[in-house]
Amino acid sequence: MQTPEEAIVDTKKLHQALSLVSESFAEAGVPWIADSIDSMINQELELALQFLCSNLHEFGCPVPRLAYELIEQVGHNCVGTEWARSLGLETDTWEMLMPQVQS
């Protein structure tokens, strides 16, 4: 279980990752996805992480290495929470993005 302080740090990390990939969503023709994720990060971090990863994968968006590292850090901190288990959030949620990671 995360402490409130850890949750705040992870929220900031996911916001930073989202800002790094927002242009990729715009280039894919789906800029609204970034807005949707941004609005859910503060309330449902695990759901936002899952939604971010699945949409990056579905639309084949390039993922900057720093964004991937931030997503991975947040993911590792979320996996194992009751809510993450109910969502089926596992390491493969973000590992599927590896082929899309840009240097």
PDB file of N, CA and C in Angstrom:
ATOM      1  N   MET A   1       0.845  -1.182   0.000  1.00  0.00           N
ATOM      2  CA  MET A   1       0.000   0.000   0.000  1.00  0.00           C
ATOM      3  C   MET A   1       0.888   1.243   0.000  1.00  0.00           C
ATOM      4  N   GLN A   2       0.586   2.152  -0.910  1.00  0.00           N
ATOM      5  CA  GLN A   2       1.364   3.385  -0.996  1.00  0.00           C
ATOM      6  C   GLN A   2       0.956   4.366   0.095  1.00  0.00           C
ATOM      7  N   THR A   3       1.952   5.115   0.554  1.00  0.00           N
ATOM      8  CA  THR A   3       1.645   6.210   1.461  1.00  0.00           C
ATOM      9  C   THR A   3       1.095   7.365   0.617  1.00  0.00           C
ATOM     10  N   PRO A   4       0.416   8.315   1.238  1.00  0.00           N
ATOM     11  CA  PRO A   4      -0.063   9.470   0.476  1.00  0.00           C
ATOM     12  C   PRO A   4       1.070  10.231  -0.219  1.00  0.00           C
ATOM     13  N   GLU A   5       2.229  10.288   0.429  1.00  0.00           N
ATOM     14  CA  GLU A   5       3.371  10.989  -0.173  1.00  0.00           C
ATOM     15  C   GLU A   5       3.856  10.265  -1.423  1.00  0.00           C
ATOM     16  N   GLU A   6       3.909   8.934  -1.371  1.00  0.00           N
ATOM     17  CA  GLU A   6       4.328   8.149  -2.537  1.00  0.00           C
ATOM     18  C   GLU A   6       3.325   8.305  -3.672  1.00  0.00           C
ATOM     19  N   ALA A   7       2.048   8.339  -3.344  1.00  0.00           N
ATOM     20  CA  ALA A   7       1.019   8.520  -4.360  1.00  0.00           C
ATOM     21  C   ALA A   7       1.163   9.871  -5.052  1.00  0.00           C
ATOM     22  N   ILE A   8       1.508  10.904  -4.289  1.00  0.00           N
ATOM     23  CA  ILE A   8       1.708  12.234  -4.876  1.00  0.00           C
ATOM     24  C   ILE A   8       2.889  12.216  -5.837  1.00  0.00           C
ATOM     25  N   VAL A   9       3.982  11.573  -5.440  1.00  0.00           N
ATOM     26  CA  VAL A   9       5.164  11.475  -6.308  1.00  0.00           C
ATOM     27  C   VAL A   9       4.801  10.722  -7.584  1.00  0.00           C
ATOM     28  N   ASP A  10       4.067   9.603  -7.462  1.00  0.00           N
ATOM     29  CA  ASP A  10       3.686   8.833  -8.645  1.00  0.00           C
ATOM     30  C   ASP A  10       2.739   9.616  -9.546  1.00  0.00           C
ATOM     31  N   THR A  11       1.855  10.382  -8.951  1.00  0.00           N
ATOM     32  CA  THR A  11       0.946  11.223  -9.739  1.00  0.00           C
ATOM     33  C   THR A  11       1.744  12.227 -10.560  1.00  0.00           C
ATOM     34  N   LYS A  12       2.733  12.844  -9.933  1.00  0.00           N
ATOM     35  CA  LYS A  12       3.584  13.809 -10.653  1.00  0.00           C
ATOM     36  C   LYS A  12       4.362  13.120 -11.770  1.00  0.00           C
ATOM     37  N   LYS A  13       4.867  11.926 -11.507  1.00  0.00           N
ATOM     38  CA  LYS A  13       5.616  11.185 -12.527  1.00  0.00           C
ATOM     39  C   LYS A  13       4.722  10.844 -13.718  1.00  0.00           C
ATOM     40  N   LEU A  14       3.490  10.414 -13.439  1.00  0.00           N
ATOM     41  CA  LEU A  14       2.607  10.060 -14.541  1.00  0.00           C
ATOM     42  C   LEU A  14       2.188  11.288 -15.333  1.00  0.00           C
ATOM     43  N   HIS A  15       2.004  12.423 -14.654  1.00  0.00           N
ATOM     44  CA  HIS A  15       1.730  13.681 -15.371  1.00  0.00           C
ATOM     45  C   HIS A  15       2.906  14.031 -16.279  1.00  0.00           C
ATOM     46  N   GLN A  16       4.126  13.855 -15.780  1.00  0.00           N
ATOM     47  CA  GLN A  16       5.311  14.157 -16.588  1.00  0.00           C
ATOM     48  C   GLN A  16       5.388  13.220 -17.788  1.00  0.00           C
ATOM     49  N   ALA A  17       5.141  11.940 -17.578  1.00  0.00           N
ATOM     50  CA  ALA A  17       5.162  10.984 -18.687  1.00  0.00           C
ATOM     51  C   ALA A  17       4.109  11.356 -19.723  1.00  0.00           C
ATOM     52  N   LEU A  18       2.932  11.723 -19.262  1.00  0.00           N
ATOM     53  CA  LEU A  18       1.859  12.112 -20.178  1.00  0.00           C
ATOM     54  C   LEU A  18       2.246  13.329 -21.001  1.00  0.00           C
ATOM     55  N   SER A  19       2.887  14.299 -20.370  1.00  0.00           N
ATOM     56  CA  SER A  19       3.292  15.494 -21.121  1.00  0.00           C
ATOM     57  C   SER A  19       4.324  15.140 -22.198  1.00  0.00           C
ATOM     58  N   LEU A  20       5.135  14.127 -21.944  1.00  0.00           N
ATOM     59  CA  LEU A  20       6.137  13.705 -22.924  1.00  0.00           C
ATOM     60  C   LEU A  20       5.536  12.954 -24.114  1.00  0.00           C
ATOM     61  N   VAL A  21       4.364  12.352 -23.930  1.00  0.00           N
ATOM     62  CA  VAL A  21       3.748  11.586 -25.024  1.00  0.00           C
ATOM     63  C   VAL A  21       2.530  12.281 -25.624  1.00  0.00           C
ATOM     64  N   SER A  22       2.120  13.404 -25.094  1.00  0.00           N
ATOM     65  CA  SER A  22       0.918  14.090 -25.584  1.00  0.00           C
ATOM     66  C   SER A  22       1.000  14.404 -27.070  1.00  0.00           C
ATOM     67  N   GLU A  23       2.166  14.816 -27.523  1.00  0.00           N
ATOM     68  CA  GLU A  23       2.331  15.124 -28.944  1.00  0.00           C
ATOM     69  C   GLU A  23       2.130  13.880 -29.804  1.00  0.00           C
ATOM     70  N   SER A  24       2.536  12.732 -29.302  1.00  0.00           N
ATOM     71  CA  SER A  24       2.346  11.478 -30.038  1.00  0.00           C
ATOM     72  C   SER A  24       0.863  11.195 -30.242  1.00  0.00           C
ATOM     73  N   PHE A  25       0.053  11.459 -29.225  1.00  0.00           N
ATOM     74  CA  PHE A  25      -1.393  11.263 -29.371  1.00  0.00           C
ATOM     75  C   PHE A  25      -1.957  12.238 -30.404  1.00  0.00           C
ATOM     76  N   ALA A  26      -1.489  13.482 -30.386  1.00  0.00           N
ATOM     77  CA  ALA A  26      -1.952  14.473 -31.353  1.00  0.00           C
ATOM     78  C   ALA A  26      -1.586  14.045 -32.767  1.00  0.00           C
ATOM     79  N   GLU A  27      -0.366  13.566 -32.948  1.00  0.00           N
ATOM     80  CA  GLU A  27       0.074  13.115 -34.275  1.00  0.00           C
ATOM     81  C   GLU A  27      -0.699  11.893 -34.738  1.00  0.00           C
ATOM     82  N   ALA A  28      -1.184  11.083 -33.803  1.00  0.00           N
ATOM     83  CA  ALA A  28      -1.985   9.904 -34.142  1.00  0.00           C
ATOM     84  C   ALA A  28      -3.443  10.280 -34.424  1.00  0.00           C
ATOM     85  N   GLY A  29      -3.769  11.562 -34.235  1.00  0.00           N
ATOM     86  CA  GLY A  29      -5.122  12.028 -34.501  1.00  0.00           C
ATOM     87  C   GLY A  29      -6.091  11.842 -33.352  1.00  0.00           C
ATOM     88  N   VAL A  30      -5.560  11.591 -32.173  1.00  0.00           N
ATOM     89  CA  VAL A  30      -6.413  11.371 -30.998  1.00  0.00           C
ATOM     90  C   VAL A  30      -5.949  12.220 -29.803  1.00  0.00           C
ATOM     91  N   PRO A  31      -5.877  13.539 -29.994  1.00  0.00           N
ATOM     92  CA  PRO A  31      -5.363  14.387 -28.912  1.00  0.00           C
ATOM     93  C   PRO A  31      -6.232  14.349 -27.653  1.00  0.00           C
ATOM     94  N   TRP A  32      -7.501  14.019 -27.785  1.00  0.00           N
ATOM     95  CA  TRP A  32      -8.419  13.980 -26.641  1.00  0.00           C
ATOM     96  C   TRP A  32      -8.020  12.920 -25.624  1.00  0.00           C
ATOM     97  N   ILE A  33      -7.271  11.900 -26.056  1.00  0.00           N
ATOM     98  CA  ILE A  33      -6.868  10.839 -25.126  1.00  0.00           C
ATOM     99  C   ILE A  33      -5.995  11.411 -24.012  1.00  0.00           C
ATOM    100  N   ALA A  34      -5.081  12.289 -24.370  1.00  0.00           N
ATOM    101  CA  ALA A  34      -4.206  12.888 -23.357  1.00  0.00           C
ATOM    102  C   ALA A  34      -5.033  13.663 -22.331  1.00  0.00           C
ATOM    103  N   ASP A  35      -6.053  14.385 -22.789  1.00  0.00           N
ATOM    104  CA  ASP A  35      -6.918  15.132 -21.870  1.00  0.00           C
ATOM    105  C   ASP A  35      -7.684  14.185 -20.948  1.00  0.00           C
ATOM    106  N   SER A  36      -8.160  13.072 -21.511  1.00  0.00           N
ATOM    107  CA  SER A  36      -8.902  12.093 -20.705  1.00  0.00           C
ATOM    108  C   SER A  36      -8.016  11.502 -19.619  1.00  0.00           C
ATOM    109  N   ILE A  37      -6.793  11.151 -19.987  1.00  0.00           N
ATOM    110  CA  ILE A  37      -5.859  10.573 -19.018  1.00  0.00           C
ATOM    111  C   ILE A  37      -5.508  11.605 -17.956  1.00  0.00           C
ATOM    112  N   ASP A  38      -5.259  12.819 -18.391  1.00  0.00           N
ATOM    113  CA  ASP A  38      -4.902  13.883 -17.455  1.00  0.00           C
ATOM    114  C   ASP A  38      -5.991  14.086 -16.400  1.00  0.00           C
ATOM    115  N   SER A  39      -7.239  13.996 -16.821  1.00  0.00           N
ATOM    116  CA  SER A  39      -8.334  14.218 -15.878  1.00  0.00           C
ATOM    117  C   SER A  39      -8.515  13.068 -14.893  1.00  0.00           C
ATOM    118  N   MET A  40      -8.005  11.866 -15.230  1.00  0.00           N
ATOM    119  CA  MET A  40      -8.188  10.743 -14.308  1.00  0.00           C
ATOM    120  C   MET A  40      -6.973  10.466 -13.427  1.00  0.00           C
ATOM    121  N   ILE A  41      -5.817  11.045 -13.721  1.00  0.00           N
ATOM    122  CA  ILE A  41      -4.600  10.740 -12.965  1.00  0.00           C
ATOM    123  C   ILE A  41      -4.767  11.024 -11.469  1.00  0.00           C
ATOM    124  N   ASN A  42      -5.343  12.154 -11.125  1.00  0.00           N
ATOM    125  CA  ASN A  42      -5.446  12.525  -9.711  1.00  0.00           C
ATOM    126  C   ASN A  42      -6.450  11.681  -8.929  1.00  0.00           C
ATOM    127  N   GLN A  43      -7.446  11.114  -9.631  1.00  0.00           N
ATOM    128  CA  GLN A  43      -8.445  10.314  -8.935  1.00  0.00           C
ATOM    129  C   GLN A  43      -8.138   8.821  -8.981  1.00  0.00           C
ATOM    130  N   GLU A  44      -7.711   8.335 -10.113  1.00  0.00           N
ATOM    131  CA  GLU A  44      -7.536   6.895 -10.324  1.00  0.00           C
ATOM    132  C   GLU A  44      -6.199   6.632 -11.018  1.00  0.00           C
ATOM    133  N   LEU A  45      -5.127   6.694 -10.254  1.00  0.00           N
ATOM    134  CA  LEU A  45      -3.781   6.569 -10.817  1.00  0.00           C
ATOM    135  C   LEU A  45      -3.604   5.265 -11.593  1.00  0.00           C
ATOM    136  N   GLU A  46      -4.024   4.148 -10.999  1.00  0.00           N
ATOM    137  CA  GLU A  46      -3.841   2.849 -11.657  1.00  0.00           C
ATOM    138  C   GLU A  46      -4.622   2.775 -12.963  1.00  0.00           C
ATOM    139  N   LEU A  47      -5.846   3.267 -12.959  1.00  0.00           N
ATOM    140  CA  LEU A  47      -6.665   3.268 -14.168  1.00  0.00           C
ATOM    141  C   LEU A  47      -6.048   4.169 -15.235  1.00  0.00           C
ATOM    142  N   ALA A  48      -5.544   5.325 -14.819  1.00  0.00           N
ATOM    143  CA  ALA A  48      -4.893   6.244 -15.761  1.00  0.00           C
ATOM    144  C   ALA A  48      -3.658   5.589 -16.382  1.00  0.00           C
ATOM    145  N   LEU A  49      -2.886   4.884 -15.564  1.00  0.00           N
ATOM    146  CA  LEU A  49      -1.697   4.186 -16.067  1.00  0.00           C
ATOM    147  C   LEU A  49      -2.089   3.142 -17.098  1.00  0.00           C
ATOM    148  N   GLN A  50      -3.099   2.348 -16.785  1.00  0.00           N
ATOM    149  CA  GLN A  50      -3.547   1.310 -17.712  1.00  0.00           C
ATOM    150  C   GLN A  50      -4.068   1.926 -19.009  1.00  0.00           C
ATOM    151  N   PHE A  51      -4.859   2.977 -18.900  1.00  0.00           N
ATOM    152  CA  PHE A  51      -5.427   3.651 -20.068  1.00  0.00           C
ATOM    153  C   PHE A  51      -4.323   4.270 -20.924  1.00  0.00           C
ATOM    154  N   LEU A  52      -3.340   4.877 -20.278  1.00  0.00           N
ATOM    155  CA  LEU A  52      -2.207   5.463 -21.003  1.00  0.00           C
ATOM    156  C   LEU A  52      -1.460   4.399 -21.787  1.00  0.00           C
ATOM    157  N   CYS A  53      -1.098   3.326 -21.124  1.00  0.00           N
ATOM    158  CA  CYS A  53      -0.316   2.274 -21.785  1.00  0.00           C
ATOM    159  C   CYS A  53      -1.094   1.618 -22.919  1.00  0.00           C
ATOM    160  N   SER A  54      -2.352   1.303 -22.673  1.00  0.00           N
ATOM    161  CA  SER A  54      -3.129   0.610 -23.706  1.00  0.00           C
ATOM    162  C   SER A  54      -3.334   1.491 -24.931  1.00  0.00           C
ATOM    163  N   ASN A  55      -3.523   2.791 -24.734  1.00  0.00           N
ATOM    164  CA  ASN A  55      -3.717   3.685 -25.882  1.00  0.00           C
ATOM    165  C   ASN A  55      -2.423   3.985 -26.615  1.00  0.00           C
ATOM    166  N   LEU A  56      -1.318   4.099 -25.892  1.00  0.00           N
ATOM    167  CA  LEU A  56      -0.028   4.257 -26.576  1.00  0.00           C
ATOM    168  C   LEU A  56       0.232   3.045 -27.460  1.00  0.00           C
ATOM    169  N   HIS A  57      -0.066   1.875 -26.930  1.00  0.00           N
ATOM    170  CA  HIS A  57       0.143   0.634 -27.680  1.00  0.00           C
ATOM    171  C   HIS A  57      -0.818   0.542 -28.873  1.00  0.00           C
ATOM    172  N   GLU A  58      -2.096   0.784 -28.625  1.00  0.00           N
ATOM    173  CA  GLU A  58      -3.106   0.655 -29.679  1.00  0.00           C
ATOM    174  C   GLU A  58      -2.834   1.572 -30.862  1.00  0.00           C
ATOM    175  N   PHE A  59      -2.399   2.796 -30.589  1.00  0.00           N
ATOM    176  CA  PHE A  59      -2.174   3.748 -31.665  1.00  0.00           C
ATOM    177  C   PHE A  59      -0.727   3.757 -32.157  1.00  0.00           C
ATOM    178  N   GLY A  60       0.105   2.882 -31.606  1.00  0.00           N
ATOM    179  CA  GLY A  60       1.490   2.768 -32.063  1.00  0.00           C
ATOM    180  C   GLY A  60       2.296   4.036 -31.865  1.00  0.00           C
ATOM    181  N   CYS A  61       1.982   4.774 -30.824  1.00  0.00           N
ATOM    182  CA  CYS A  61       2.660   6.048 -30.572  1.00  0.00           C
ATOM    183  C   CYS A  61       4.091   5.819 -30.103  1.00  0.00           C
ATOM    184  N   PRO A  62       5.032   6.607 -30.635  1.00  0.00           N
ATOM    185  CA  PRO A  62       6.391   6.529 -30.111  1.00  0.00           C
ATOM    186  C   PRO A  62       6.421   6.991 -28.654  1.00  0.00           C
ATOM    187  N   VAL A  63       7.247   6.325 -27.859  1.00  0.00           N
ATOM    188  CA  VAL A  63       7.339   6.624 -26.431  1.00  0.00           C
ATOM    189  C   VAL A  63       8.780   7.023 -26.117  1.00  0.00           C
ATOM    190  N   PRO A  64       8.998   8.272 -25.729  1.00  0.00           N
ATOM    191  CA  PRO A  64      10.355   8.669 -25.338  1.00  0.00           C
ATOM    192  C   PRO A  64      10.843   7.810 -24.159  1.00  0.00           C
ATOM    193  N   ARG A  65      12.124   7.526 -24.136  1.00  0.00           N
ATOM    194  CA  ARG A  65      12.691   6.666 -23.093  1.00  0.00           C
ATOM    195  C   ARG A  65      12.357   7.177 -21.689  1.00  0.00           C
ATOM    196  N   LEU A  66      12.469   8.480 -21.461  1.00  0.00           N
ATOM    197  CA  LEU A  66      12.159   9.022 -20.141  1.00  0.00           C
ATOM    198  C   LEU A  66      10.698   8.762 -19.775  1.00  0.00           C
ATOM    199  N   ALA A  67       9.800   8.920 -20.721  1.00  0.00           N
ATOM    200  CA  ALA A  67       8.380   8.649 -20.451  1.00  0.00           C
ATOM    201  C   ALA A  67       8.189   7.187 -20.062  1.00  0.00           C
ATOM    202  N   TYR A  68       8.857   6.291 -20.782  1.00  0.00           N
ATOM    203  CA  TYR A  68       8.735   4.862 -20.451  1.00  0.00           C
ATOM    204  C   TYR A  68       9.269   4.590 -19.044  1.00  0.00           C
ATOM    205  N   GLU A  69      10.405   5.173 -18.713  1.00  0.00           N
ATOM    206  CA  GLU A  69      10.996   4.956 -17.386  1.00  0.00           C
ATOM    207  C   GLU A  69      10.064   5.456 -16.278  1.00  0.00           C
ATOM    208  N   LEU A  70       9.405   6.578 -16.508  1.00  0.00           N
ATOM    209  CA  LEU A  70       8.464   7.106 -15.525  1.00  0.00           C
ATOM    210  C   LEU A  70       7.243   6.194 -15.399  1.00  0.00           C
ATOM    211  N   ILE A  71       6.728   5.749 -16.530  1.00  0.00           N
ATOM    212  CA  ILE A  71       5.592   4.826 -16.539  1.00  0.00           C
ATOM    213  C   ILE A  71       5.958   3.547 -15.798  1.00  0.00           C
ATOM    214  N   GLU A  72       7.140   3.032 -16.062  1.00  0.00           N
ATOM    215  CA  GLU A  72       7.603   1.807 -15.422  1.00  0.00           C
ATOM    216  C   GLU A  72       7.714   1.981 -13.897  1.00  0.00           C
ATOM    217  N   GLN A  73       8.267   3.111 -13.461  1.00  0.00           N
ATOM    218  CA  GLN A  73       8.402   3.373 -12.018  1.00  0.00           C
ATOM    219  C   GLN A  73       7.033   3.430 -11.345  1.00  0.00           C
ATOM    220  N   VAL A  74       6.112   4.157 -11.951  1.00  0.00           N
ATOM    221  CA  VAL A  74       4.764   4.259 -11.394  1.00  0.00           C
ATOM    222  C   VAL A  74       4.105   2.883 -11.385  1.00  0.00           C
ATOM    223  N   GLY A  75       4.277   2.152 -12.476  1.00  0.00           N
ATOM    224  CA  GLY A  75       3.684   0.821 -12.566  1.00  0.00           C
ATOM    225  C   GLY A  75       4.170  -0.112 -11.482  1.00  0.00           C
ATOM    226  N   HIS A  76       5.460  -0.126 -11.263  1.00  0.00           N
ATOM    227  CA  HIS A  76       6.010  -0.998 -10.219  1.00  0.00           C
ATOM    228  C   HIS A  76       5.480  -0.616  -8.831  1.00  0.00           C
ATOM    229  N   ASN A  77       5.231   0.664  -8.624  1.00  0.00           N
ATOM    230  CA  ASN A  77       4.687   1.105  -7.340  1.00  0.00           C
ATOM    231  C   ASN A  77       3.203   0.773  -7.187  1.00  0.00           C
ATOM    232  N   CYS A  78       2.499   0.662  -8.318  1.00  0.00           N
ATOM    233  CA  CYS A  78       1.058   0.385  -8.278  1.00  0.00           C
ATOM    234  C   CYS A  78       0.743  -1.109  -8.233  1.00  0.00           C
ATOM    235  N   VAL A  79       1.554  -1.911  -8.906  1.00  0.00           N
ATOM    236  CA  VAL A  79       1.270  -3.342  -8.977  1.00  0.00           C
ATOM    237  C   VAL A  79       1.187  -3.903  -7.562  1.00  0.00           C
ATOM    238  N   GLY A  80       0.192  -4.696  -7.327  1.00  0.00           N
ATOM    239  CA  GLY A  80       0.026  -5.297  -6.014  1.00  0.00           C
ATOM    240  C   GLY A  80      -1.033  -4.622  -5.172  1.00  0.00           C
ATOM    241  N   THR A  81      -1.439  -3.405  -5.543  1.00  0.00           N
ATOM    242  CA  THR A  81      -2.532  -2.780  -4.800  1.00  0.00           C
ATOM    243  C   THR A  81      -3.824  -3.507  -5.165  1.00  0.00           C
ATOM    244  N   GLU A  82      -4.775  -3.434  -4.291  1.00  0.00           N
ATOM    245  CA  GLU A  82      -6.051  -4.118  -4.525  1.00  0.00           C
ATOM    246  C   GLU A  82      -6.709  -3.623  -5.809  1.00  0.00           C
ATOM    247  N   TRP A  83      -6.704  -2.312  -6.018  1.00  0.00           N
ATOM    248  CA  TRP A  83      -7.315  -1.736  -7.219  1.00  0.00           C
ATOM    249  C   TRP A  83      -6.564  -2.189  -8.462  1.00  0.00           C
ATOM    250  N   ALA A  84      -5.248  -2.229  -8.422  1.00  0.00           N
ATOM    251  CA  ALA A  84      -4.466  -2.681  -9.577  1.00  0.00           C
ATOM    252  C   ALA A  84      -4.783  -4.146  -9.896  1.00  0.00           C
ATOM    253  N   ARG A  85      -4.908  -4.963  -8.870  1.00  0.00           N
ATOM    254  CA  ARG A  85      -5.255  -6.378  -9.099  1.00  0.00           C
ATOM    255  C   ARG A  85      -6.625  -6.499  -9.753  1.00  0.00           C
ATOM    256  N   SER A  86      -7.578  -5.684  -9.318  1.00  0.00           N
ATOM    257  CA  SER A  86      -8.920  -5.760  -9.899  1.00  0.00           C
ATOM    258  C   SER A  86      -8.923  -5.313 -11.362  1.00  0.00           C
ATOM    259  N   LEU A  87      -7.979  -4.442 -11.730  1.00  0.00           N
ATOM    260  CA  LEU A  87      -7.857  -3.992 -13.118  1.00  0.00           C
ATOM    261  C   LEU A  87      -7.039  -4.961 -13.974  1.00  0.00           C
ATOM    262  N   GLY A  88      -6.357  -5.899 -13.316  1.00  0.00           N
ATOM    263  CA  GLY A  88      -5.459  -6.787 -14.050  1.00  0.00           C
ATOM    264  C   GLY A  88      -4.155  -6.094 -14.410  1.00  0.00           C
ATOM    265  N   LEU A  89      -3.789  -5.084 -13.639  1.00  0.00           N
ATOM    266  CA  LEU A  89      -2.570  -4.312 -13.899  1.00  0.00           C
ATOM    267  C   LEU A  89      -1.348  -5.127 -13.489  1.00  0.00           C
ATOM    268  N   GLU A  90      -0.565  -5.497 -14.467  1.00  0.00           N
ATOM    269  CA  GLU A  90       0.659  -6.274 -14.265  1.00  0.00           C
ATOM    270  C   GLU A  90       1.780  -5.618 -15.059  1.00  0.00           C
ATOM    271  N   THR A  91       2.982  -6.130 -14.912  1.00  0.00           N
ATOM    272  CA  THR A  91       4.136  -5.531 -15.602  1.00  0.00           C
ATOM    273  C   THR A  91       3.966  -5.530 -17.120  1.00  0.00           C
ATOM    274  N   ASP A  92       3.228  -6.490 -17.667  1.00  0.00           N
ATOM    275  CA  ASP A  92       3.051  -6.511 -19.118  1.00  0.00           C
ATOM    276  C   ASP A  92       2.226  -5.327 -19.611  1.00  0.00           C
ATOM    277  N   THR A  93       1.550  -4.619 -18.687  1.00  0.00           N
ATOM    278  CA  THR A  93       0.780  -3.427 -19.051  1.00  0.00           C
ATOM    279  C   THR A  93       1.684  -2.384 -19.698  1.00  0.00           C
ATOM    280  N   TRP A  94       2.889  -2.200 -19.154  1.00  0.00           N
ATOM    281  CA  TRP A  94       3.814  -1.220 -19.744  1.00  0.00           C
ATOM    282  C   TRP A  94       4.915  -1.894 -20.556  1.00  0.00           C
ATOM    283  N   GLU A  95       5.237  -3.132 -20.278  1.00  0.00           N
ATOM    284  CA  GLU A  95       6.297  -3.809 -21.039  1.00  0.00           C
ATOM    285  C   GLU A  95       5.935  -3.973 -22.516  1.00  0.00           C
ATOM    286  N   MET A  96       4.637  -3.989 -22.837  1.00  0.00           N
ATOM    287  CA  MET A  96       4.226  -4.101 -24.237  1.00  0.00           C
ATOM    288  C   MET A  96       4.643  -2.869 -25.038  1.00  0.00           C
ATOM    289  N   LEU A  97       5.026  -1.796 -24.349  1.00  0.00           N
ATOM    290  CA  LEU A  97       5.449  -0.563 -25.025  1.00  0.00           C
ATOM    291  C   LEU A  97       6.917  -0.582 -25.449  1.00  0.00           C
ATOM    292  N   MET A  98       7.674  -1.554 -24.972  1.00  0.00           N
ATOM    293  CA  MET A  98       9.123  -1.585 -25.248  1.00  0.00           C
ATOM    294  C   MET A  98       9.480  -1.407 -26.719  1.00  0.00           C
ATOM    295  N   PRO A  99       8.785  -2.056 -27.666  1.00  0.00           N
ATOM    296  CA  PRO A  99       9.141  -1.835 -29.087  1.00  0.00           C
ATOM    297  C   PRO A  99       8.924  -0.411 -29.566  1.00  0.00           C
ATOM    298  N   GLN A 100       8.137   0.366 -28.841  1.00  0.00           N
ATOM    299  CA  GLN A 100       7.831   1.734 -29.235  1.00  0.00           C
ATOM    300  C   GLN A 100       8.744   2.766 -28.574  1.00  0.00           C
ATOM    301  N   VAL A 101       9.609   2.317 -27.678  1.00  0.00           N
ATOM    302  CA  VAL A 101      10.463   3.256 -26.945  1.00  0.00           C
ATOM    303  C   VAL A 101      11.542   3.797 -27.854  1.00  0.00           C
ATOM    304  N   GLN A 102      11.652   5.121 -27.827  1.00  0.00           N
ATOM    305  CA  GLN A 102      12.636   5.860 -28.632  1.00  0.00           C
ATOM    306  C   GLN A 102      13.789   6.302 -27.736  1.00  0.00           C
ATOM    307  N   SER A 103      14.970   6.318 -28.277  1.00  0.00           N
ATOM    308  CA  SER A 103      16.148   6.740 -27.483  1.00  0.00           C
ATOM    309  C   SER A 103      16.159   8.225 -27.247  1.00  0.00           C
TER     310      SER A 103
END
